[in-house]
Amino acid sequence: MKKELVEFVEKLGHTVHDVGTFQPDKPDDYPDYAILVAEDIRSGKADRGILVCGSGVGVSVAANKFKGIRAGLCHDHYSAHQGVEHDDMNVLVLGARIVGQMLAQDAAEAFLKATFSGEERHVRRLNKVKGIEKDEFR
């Protein structure tokens, strides 16, 4: 799925920094890729990221451990764009065992074309999420 998704995103006009995996038959650990994508976003090398794993759950959990990363597991068009528009999601997570290639492409396109709305209620909620990252609510 990843290889075809990279080609699709490039055809949409985006520059892709593919951090792996490059040996699909070799066992790997999803947290390693969450780290690489989070580092690219946090350093400013990338504005957004897409992570793909079997179900998407594990890599979503791992990615959300990083300050400033708002990863959403989305398996449909609406959630992929709404996550950006309402929640300023910056990482799309897809489960390759859950969705097919066409749905993955549709979700990726919706995610990449979406922009944060900036509406007051969304900004207020996003600021609360950022406060959780700073441990302000404990």
N, C-alpha and C. Protein backbone atom coordinates (compact mmCIF):
# COMPACT_ATOMS: atom_id res chain seq x y z
N MET A 1 0.82 -1.19 0.00
CA MET A 1 0.00 0.00 0.00
C MET A 1 0.87 1.26 0.00
N LYS A 2 1.94 1.24 0.80
CA LYS A 2 2.76 2.44 0.95
C LYS A 2 3.35 2.89 -0.39
N LYS A 3 3.88 1.95 -1.15
CA LYS A 3 4.53 2.29 -2.41
C LYS A 3 3.55 3.00 -3.35
N GLU A 4 2.37 2.45 -3.49
CA GLU A 4 1.37 3.06 -4.36
C GLU A 4 0.88 4.39 -3.80
N LEU A 5 0.80 4.50 -2.50
CA LEU A 5 0.37 5.74 -1.87
C LEU A 5 1.41 6.84 -2.08
N VAL A 6 2.68 6.51 -2.00
CA VAL A 6 3.75 7.48 -2.26
C VAL A 6 3.62 8.01 -3.68
N GLU A 7 3.45 7.13 -4.64
CA GLU A 7 3.29 7.54 -6.05
C GLU A 7 2.08 8.43 -6.23
N PHE A 8 0.98 8.08 -5.57
CA PHE A 8 -0.25 8.87 -5.67
C PHE A 8 -0.06 10.27 -5.10
N VAL A 9 0.54 10.37 -3.92
CA VAL A 9 0.76 11.67 -3.28
C VAL A 9 1.70 12.54 -4.12
N GLU A 10 2.69 11.93 -4.72
CA GLU A 10 3.58 12.69 -5.61
C GLU A 10 2.83 13.21 -6.83
N LYS A 11 1.92 12.40 -7.36
CA LYS A 11 1.11 12.84 -8.50
C LYS A 11 0.19 14.01 -8.13
N LEU A 12 -0.16 14.12 -6.85
CA LEU A 12 -0.96 15.25 -6.39
C LEU A 12 -0.12 16.53 -6.29
N GLY A 13 1.20 16.39 -6.48
CA GLY A 13 2.08 17.54 -6.46
C GLY A 13 2.85 17.75 -5.17
N HIS A 14 2.81 16.78 -4.28
CA HIS A 14 3.50 16.90 -3.00
C HIS A 14 4.88 16.24 -3.07
N THR A 15 5.80 16.77 -2.32
CA THR A 15 7.11 16.15 -2.17
C THR A 15 6.99 15.14 -1.04
N VAL A 16 7.46 13.94 -1.29
CA VAL A 16 7.36 12.86 -0.31
C VAL A 16 8.75 12.54 0.22
N HIS A 17 8.88 12.52 1.53
CA HIS A 17 10.08 12.02 2.19
C HIS A 17 9.71 10.68 2.79
N ASP A 18 10.02 9.62 2.10
CA ASP A 18 9.66 8.27 2.51
C ASP A 18 10.68 7.78 3.53
N VAL A 19 10.23 7.57 4.76
CA VAL A 19 11.15 7.14 5.82
C VAL A 19 11.15 5.62 6.01
N GLY A 20 10.47 4.90 5.14
CA GLY A 20 10.51 3.44 5.23
C GLY A 20 9.14 2.89 5.58
N THR A 21 9.11 1.68 5.66
CA THR A 21 10.06 0.61 5.58
C THR A 21 10.38 0.31 4.11
N PHE A 22 11.58 -0.18 3.86
CA PHE A 22 12.01 -0.46 2.50
C PHE A 22 12.18 -1.94 2.24
N GLN A 23 11.98 -2.75 3.27
CA GLN A 23 12.06 -4.21 3.15
C GLN A 23 10.79 -4.80 3.75
N PRO A 24 9.70 -4.81 2.97
CA PRO A 24 8.41 -5.23 3.52
C PRO A 24 8.37 -6.65 4.06
N ASP A 25 9.27 -7.51 3.62
CA ASP A 25 9.27 -8.89 4.10
C ASP A 25 10.07 -9.06 5.40
N LYS A 26 10.77 -8.01 5.80
CA LYS A 26 11.58 -8.06 7.02
C LYS A 26 10.75 -7.49 8.18
N PRO A 27 10.72 -8.18 9.31
CA PRO A 27 9.98 -7.65 10.47
C PRO A 27 10.51 -6.27 10.89
N ASP A 28 9.60 -5.42 11.30
CA ASP A 28 9.98 -4.08 11.77
C ASP A 28 9.04 -3.69 12.91
N ASP A 29 9.35 -2.57 13.53
CA ASP A 29 8.56 -2.10 14.66
C ASP A 29 7.96 -0.73 14.35
N TYR A 30 6.64 -0.63 14.39
CA TYR A 30 5.96 0.61 14.02
C TYR A 30 6.39 1.83 14.82
N PRO A 31 6.78 1.72 16.09
CA PRO A 31 7.21 2.95 16.79
C PRO A 31 8.40 3.63 16.11
N ASP A 32 9.26 2.83 15.47
CA ASP A 32 10.42 3.42 14.79
C ASP A 32 9.99 4.39 13.70
N TYR A 33 8.91 4.08 13.00
CA TYR A 33 8.44 4.94 11.91
C TYR A 33 7.63 6.12 12.45
N ALA A 34 6.95 5.92 13.55
CA ALA A 34 6.28 7.05 14.20
C ALA A 34 7.31 8.08 14.64
N ILE A 35 8.43 7.61 15.15
CA ILE A 35 9.51 8.51 15.57
C ILE A 35 10.02 9.31 14.38
N LEU A 36 10.28 8.65 13.27
CA LEU A 36 10.84 9.33 12.10
C LEU A 36 9.88 10.38 11.54
N VAL A 37 8.60 10.04 11.46
CA VAL A 37 7.61 10.99 10.94
C VAL A 37 7.45 12.16 11.91
N ALA A 38 7.37 11.87 13.20
CA ALA A 38 7.25 12.94 14.20
C ALA A 38 8.45 13.87 14.15
N GLU A 39 9.65 13.31 14.01
CA GLU A 39 10.86 14.14 13.93
C GLU A 39 10.81 15.06 12.71
N ASP A 40 10.36 14.54 11.58
CA ASP A 40 10.27 15.37 10.37
C ASP A 40 9.30 16.53 10.56
N ILE A 41 8.17 16.27 11.19
CA ILE A 41 7.18 17.33 11.40
C ILE A 41 7.68 18.32 12.44
N ARG A 42 8.18 17.83 13.55
CA ARG A 42 8.62 18.71 14.64
C ARG A 42 9.82 19.57 14.23
N SER A 43 10.65 19.07 13.32
CA SER A 43 11.81 19.84 12.86
C SER A 43 11.47 20.83 11.76
N GLY A 44 10.27 20.71 11.20
CA GLY A 44 9.87 21.58 10.10
C GLY A 44 10.23 21.03 8.73
N LYS A 45 10.81 19.84 8.70
CA LYS A 45 11.15 19.21 7.42
C LYS A 45 9.89 18.84 6.64
N ALA A 46 8.82 18.55 7.38
CA ALA A 46 7.53 18.20 6.76
C ALA A 46 6.42 18.93 7.49
N ASP A 47 5.37 19.26 6.76
CA ASP A 47 4.19 19.87 7.36
C ASP A 47 3.24 18.81 7.90
N ARG A 48 3.17 17.71 7.18
CA ARG A 48 2.25 16.63 7.54
C ARG A 48 2.91 15.29 7.25
N GLY A 49 2.32 14.25 7.82
CA GLY A 49 2.81 12.91 7.58
C GLY A 49 1.69 11.92 7.41
N ILE A 50 2.03 10.82 6.78
CA ILE A 50 1.10 9.71 6.63
C ILE A 50 1.82 8.47 7.12
N LEU A 51 1.20 7.75 8.03
CA LEU A 51 1.74 6.50 8.54
C LEU A 51 0.81 5.36 8.16
N VAL A 52 1.40 4.26 7.74
CA VAL A 52 0.63 3.07 7.35
C VAL A 52 1.16 1.89 8.13
N CYS A 53 0.27 1.16 8.76
CA CYS A 53 0.65 -0.13 9.35
C CYS A 53 -0.54 -1.07 9.19
N GLY A 54 -0.48 -2.24 9.80
CA GLY A 54 -1.53 -3.23 9.61
C GLY A 54 -2.92 -2.72 9.94
N SER A 55 -3.16 -2.42 11.21
CA SER A 55 -4.46 -1.89 11.61
C SER A 55 -4.43 -0.36 11.70
N GLY A 56 -3.26 0.19 11.92
CA GLY A 56 -3.11 1.62 12.14
C GLY A 56 -3.16 2.01 13.60
N VAL A 57 -3.64 1.12 14.44
CA VAL A 57 -3.84 1.46 15.85
C VAL A 57 -2.51 1.69 16.57
N GLY A 58 -1.61 0.75 16.47
CA GLY A 58 -0.35 0.86 17.20
C GLY A 58 0.45 2.08 16.82
N VAL A 59 0.59 2.33 15.53
CA VAL A 59 1.38 3.48 15.09
C VAL A 59 0.68 4.79 15.44
N SER A 60 -0.64 4.78 15.50
CA SER A 60 -1.38 5.97 15.94
C SER A 60 -1.09 6.27 17.40
N VAL A 61 -1.12 5.24 18.22
CA VAL A 61 -0.81 5.41 19.64
C VAL A 61 0.61 5.96 19.80
N ALA A 62 1.56 5.37 19.09
CA ALA A 62 2.96 5.80 19.20
C ALA A 62 3.14 7.23 18.74
N ALA A 63 2.55 7.60 17.61
CA ALA A 63 2.73 8.95 17.07
C ALA A 63 2.16 10.00 18.01
N ASN A 64 1.06 9.70 18.65
CA ASN A 64 0.43 10.68 19.54
C ASN A 64 1.17 10.89 20.85
N LYS A 65 2.23 10.18 21.08
CA LYS A 65 3.06 10.38 22.27
C LYS A 65 3.96 11.61 22.11
N PHE A 66 4.12 12.11 20.90
CA PHE A 66 5.03 13.22 20.64
C PHE A 66 4.31 14.56 20.73
N LYS A 67 4.89 15.47 21.47
CA LYS A 67 4.35 16.82 21.58
C LYS A 67 4.24 17.42 20.17
N GLY A 68 3.10 18.01 19.91
CA GLY A 68 2.88 18.66 18.62
C GLY A 68 2.37 17.76 17.53
N ILE A 69 2.28 16.48 17.80
CA ILE A 69 1.77 15.54 16.81
C ILE A 69 0.32 15.22 17.14
N ARG A 70 -0.52 15.39 16.14
CA ARG A 70 -1.94 15.08 16.26
C ARG A 70 -2.27 14.08 15.15
N ALA A 71 -2.12 12.80 15.49
CA ALA A 71 -2.32 11.73 14.52
C ALA A 71 -3.73 11.19 14.65
N GLY A 72 -4.36 10.98 13.52
CA GLY A 72 -5.71 10.43 13.51
C GLY A 72 -5.79 9.21 12.62
N LEU A 73 -6.36 8.15 13.17
CA LEU A 73 -6.60 6.92 12.41
C LEU A 73 -7.90 7.12 11.65
N CYS A 74 -7.79 7.25 10.34
CA CYS A 74 -8.97 7.57 9.51
C CYS A 74 -9.10 6.55 8.39
N HIS A 75 -10.27 5.99 8.29
CA HIS A 75 -10.51 5.02 7.23
C HIS A 75 -11.67 5.45 6.34
N ASP A 76 -11.85 6.77 6.24
CA ASP A 76 -12.88 7.29 5.36
C ASP A 76 -12.54 8.73 4.97
N HIS A 77 -13.16 9.19 3.92
CA HIS A 77 -12.94 10.52 3.37
C HIS A 77 -13.26 11.63 4.38
N TYR A 78 -14.42 11.53 4.99
CA TYR A 78 -14.87 12.59 5.89
C TYR A 78 -13.92 12.79 7.07
N SER A 79 -13.57 11.72 7.76
CA SER A 79 -12.69 11.84 8.92
C SER A 79 -11.32 12.40 8.54
N ALA A 80 -10.84 12.04 7.36
CA ALA A 80 -9.52 12.49 6.93
C ALA A 80 -9.46 14.00 6.75
N HIS A 81 -10.52 14.61 6.19
CA HIS A 81 -10.48 16.07 6.04
C HIS A 81 -10.99 16.77 7.30
N GLN A 82 -11.97 16.20 7.96
CA GLN A 82 -12.52 16.82 9.16
C GLN A 82 -11.48 16.86 10.28
N GLY A 83 -10.62 15.85 10.35
CA GLY A 83 -9.56 15.83 11.36
C GLY A 83 -8.60 17.01 11.22
N VAL A 84 -8.39 17.44 9.99
CA VAL A 84 -7.55 18.62 9.75
C VAL A 84 -8.35 19.88 10.03
N GLU A 85 -9.55 19.96 9.47
CA GLU A 85 -10.36 21.17 9.57
C GLU A 85 -10.74 21.52 11.01
N HIS A 86 -11.05 20.52 11.83
CA HIS A 86 -11.52 20.77 13.19
C HIS A 86 -10.43 20.59 14.24
N ASP A 87 -9.50 19.66 14.01
CA ASP A 87 -8.55 19.28 15.05
C ASP A 87 -7.09 19.57 14.69
N ASP A 88 -6.86 20.17 13.53
CA ASP A 88 -5.51 20.48 13.06
C ASP A 88 -4.63 19.23 13.05
N MET A 89 -5.21 18.12 12.66
CA MET A 89 -4.49 16.85 12.56
C MET A 89 -3.33 17.01 11.58
N ASN A 90 -2.15 16.55 11.97
CA ASN A 90 -1.00 16.67 11.08
C ASN A 90 -0.40 15.33 10.66
N VAL A 91 -0.98 14.24 11.14
CA VAL A 91 -0.56 12.91 10.70
C VAL A 91 -1.81 12.08 10.43
N LEU A 92 -1.89 11.57 9.22
CA LEU A 92 -2.96 10.64 8.84
C LEU A 92 -2.42 9.23 9.05
N VAL A 93 -3.19 8.41 9.72
CA VAL A 93 -2.81 7.01 9.94
C VAL A 93 -3.80 6.13 9.21
N LEU A 94 -3.27 5.16 8.48
CA LEU A 94 -4.09 4.23 7.71
C LEU A 94 -3.73 2.80 8.07
N GLY A 95 -4.71 1.95 8.12
CA GLY A 95 -4.49 0.52 8.35
C GLY A 95 -4.57 -0.24 7.04
N ALA A 96 -3.44 -0.75 6.58
CA ALA A 96 -3.39 -1.42 5.28
C ALA A 96 -4.19 -2.72 5.26
N ARG A 97 -4.44 -3.29 6.42
CA ARG A 97 -5.26 -4.52 6.48
C ARG A 97 -6.74 -4.19 6.62
N ILE A 98 -7.05 -2.91 6.74
CA ILE A 98 -8.43 -2.48 6.97
C ILE A 98 -9.03 -1.85 5.73
N VAL A 99 -8.25 -1.02 5.05
CA VAL A 99 -8.77 -0.32 3.87
C VAL A 99 -8.01 -0.76 2.62
N GLY A 100 -8.68 -0.63 1.50
CA GLY A 100 -8.05 -0.93 0.22
C GLY A 100 -7.29 0.29 -0.31
N GLN A 101 -6.61 0.08 -1.39
CA GLN A 101 -5.76 1.12 -1.97
C GLN A 101 -6.56 2.36 -2.38
N MET A 102 -7.70 2.18 -2.99
CA MET A 102 -8.49 3.33 -3.46
C MET A 102 -9.00 4.17 -2.29
N LEU A 103 -9.45 3.53 -1.23
CA LEU A 103 -9.91 4.27 -0.06
C LEU A 103 -8.75 4.97 0.62
N ALA A 104 -7.59 4.32 0.66
CA ALA A 104 -6.40 4.96 1.23
C ALA A 104 -6.04 6.21 0.44
N GLN A 105 -6.10 6.14 -0.86
CA GLN A 105 -5.79 7.30 -1.70
C GLN A 105 -6.81 8.41 -1.50
N ASP A 106 -8.07 8.03 -1.41
CA ASP A 106 -9.12 9.03 -1.19
C ASP A 106 -8.92 9.73 0.15
N ALA A 107 -8.63 8.98 1.19
CA ALA A 107 -8.40 9.58 2.51
C ALA A 107 -7.16 10.46 2.48
N ALA A 108 -6.10 10.01 1.84
CA ALA A 108 -4.86 10.80 1.77
C ALA A 108 -5.10 12.11 1.03
N GLU A 109 -5.83 12.06 -0.06
CA GLU A 109 -6.12 13.28 -0.81
C GLU A 109 -6.96 14.25 0.01
N ALA A 110 -7.97 13.74 0.69
CA ALA A 110 -8.82 14.59 1.54
C ALA A 110 -7.98 15.23 2.65
N PHE A 111 -7.10 14.46 3.27
CA PHE A 111 -6.22 14.94 4.33
C PHE A 111 -5.29 16.04 3.81
N LEU A 112 -4.69 15.81 2.67
CA LEU A 112 -3.70 16.76 2.14
C LEU A 112 -4.33 18.04 1.61
N LYS A 113 -5.56 17.98 1.16
CA LYS A 113 -6.22 19.18 0.63
C LYS A 113 -6.89 20.02 1.71
N ALA A 114 -7.09 19.44 2.88
CA ALA A 114 -7.81 20.13 3.95
C ALA A 114 -6.92 21.15 4.66
N THR A 115 -7.56 22.18 5.21
CA THR A 115 -6.86 23.17 6.03
C THR A 115 -7.64 23.38 7.32
N PHE A 116 -6.92 23.75 8.35
CA PHE A 116 -7.55 24.02 9.65
C PHE A 116 -8.50 25.20 9.50
N SER A 117 -9.70 25.08 10.04
CA SER A 117 -10.72 26.11 9.85
C SER A 117 -10.41 27.40 10.59
N GLY A 118 -9.77 27.31 11.73
CA GLY A 118 -9.51 28.50 12.54
C GLY A 118 -10.73 29.03 13.26
N GLU A 119 -11.86 28.30 13.16
CA GLU A 119 -13.07 28.73 13.86
C GLU A 119 -12.80 28.76 15.37
N GLU A 120 -13.45 29.69 16.04
CA GLU A 120 -13.20 29.91 17.46
C GLU A 120 -13.34 28.63 18.27
N ARG A 121 -14.38 27.85 18.03
CA ARG A 121 -14.59 26.63 18.82
C ARG A 121 -13.48 25.62 18.58
N HIS A 122 -12.97 25.57 17.35
CA HIS A 122 -11.90 24.63 17.05
C HIS A 122 -10.57 25.09 17.64
N VAL A 123 -10.34 26.39 17.60
CA VAL A 123 -9.12 26.94 18.22
C VAL A 123 -9.16 26.71 19.73
N ARG A 124 -10.32 26.94 20.33
CA ARG A 124 -10.47 26.74 21.77
C ARG A 124 -10.17 25.29 22.15
N ARG A 125 -10.70 24.37 21.39
CA ARG A 125 -10.50 22.95 21.67
C ARG A 125 -9.05 22.54 21.42
N LEU A 126 -8.47 23.05 20.35
CA LEU A 126 -7.08 22.75 20.06
C LEU A 126 -6.16 23.26 21.16
N ASN A 127 -6.46 24.44 21.67
CA ASN A 127 -5.66 24.98 22.77
C ASN A 127 -5.77 24.12 24.02
N LYS A 128 -6.92 23.52 24.24
CA LYS A 128 -7.07 22.60 25.36
C LYS A 128 -6.22 21.35 25.15
N VAL A 129 -6.18 20.85 23.94
CA VAL A 129 -5.33 19.70 23.63
C VAL A 129 -3.87 20.06 23.85
N LYS A 130 -3.47 21.24 23.40
CA LYS A 130 -2.09 21.68 23.61
C LYS A 130 -1.79 21.84 25.09
N GLY A 131 -2.79 22.25 25.87
CA GLY A 131 -2.63 22.35 27.31
C GLY A 131 -2.40 20.99 27.95
N ILE A 132 -3.05 19.96 27.44
CA ILE A 132 -2.82 18.61 27.93
C ILE A 132 -1.37 18.22 27.69
N GLU A 133 -0.84 18.56 26.51
CA GLU A 133 0.57 18.27 26.21
C GLU A 133 1.50 18.94 27.21
N LYS A 134 1.12 20.11 27.68
CA LYS A 134 1.96 20.85 28.63
C LYS A 134 1.68 20.42 30.07
N ASP A 135 0.75 19.48 30.23
CA ASP A 135 0.40 18.95 31.54
C ASP A 135 -0.27 20.02 32.41
N GLU A 136 -1.01 20.91 31.77
CA GLU A 136 -1.66 22.01 32.50
C GLU A 136 -2.94 21.60 33.21
N PHE A 137 -3.45 20.41 32.92
CA PHE A 137 -4.74 20.02 33.47
C PHE A 137 -4.62 18.98 34.58
N ARG A 138 -3.44 18.84 35.12
CA ARG A 138 -3.26 17.84 36.20
C ARG A 138 -3.05 18.52 37.50
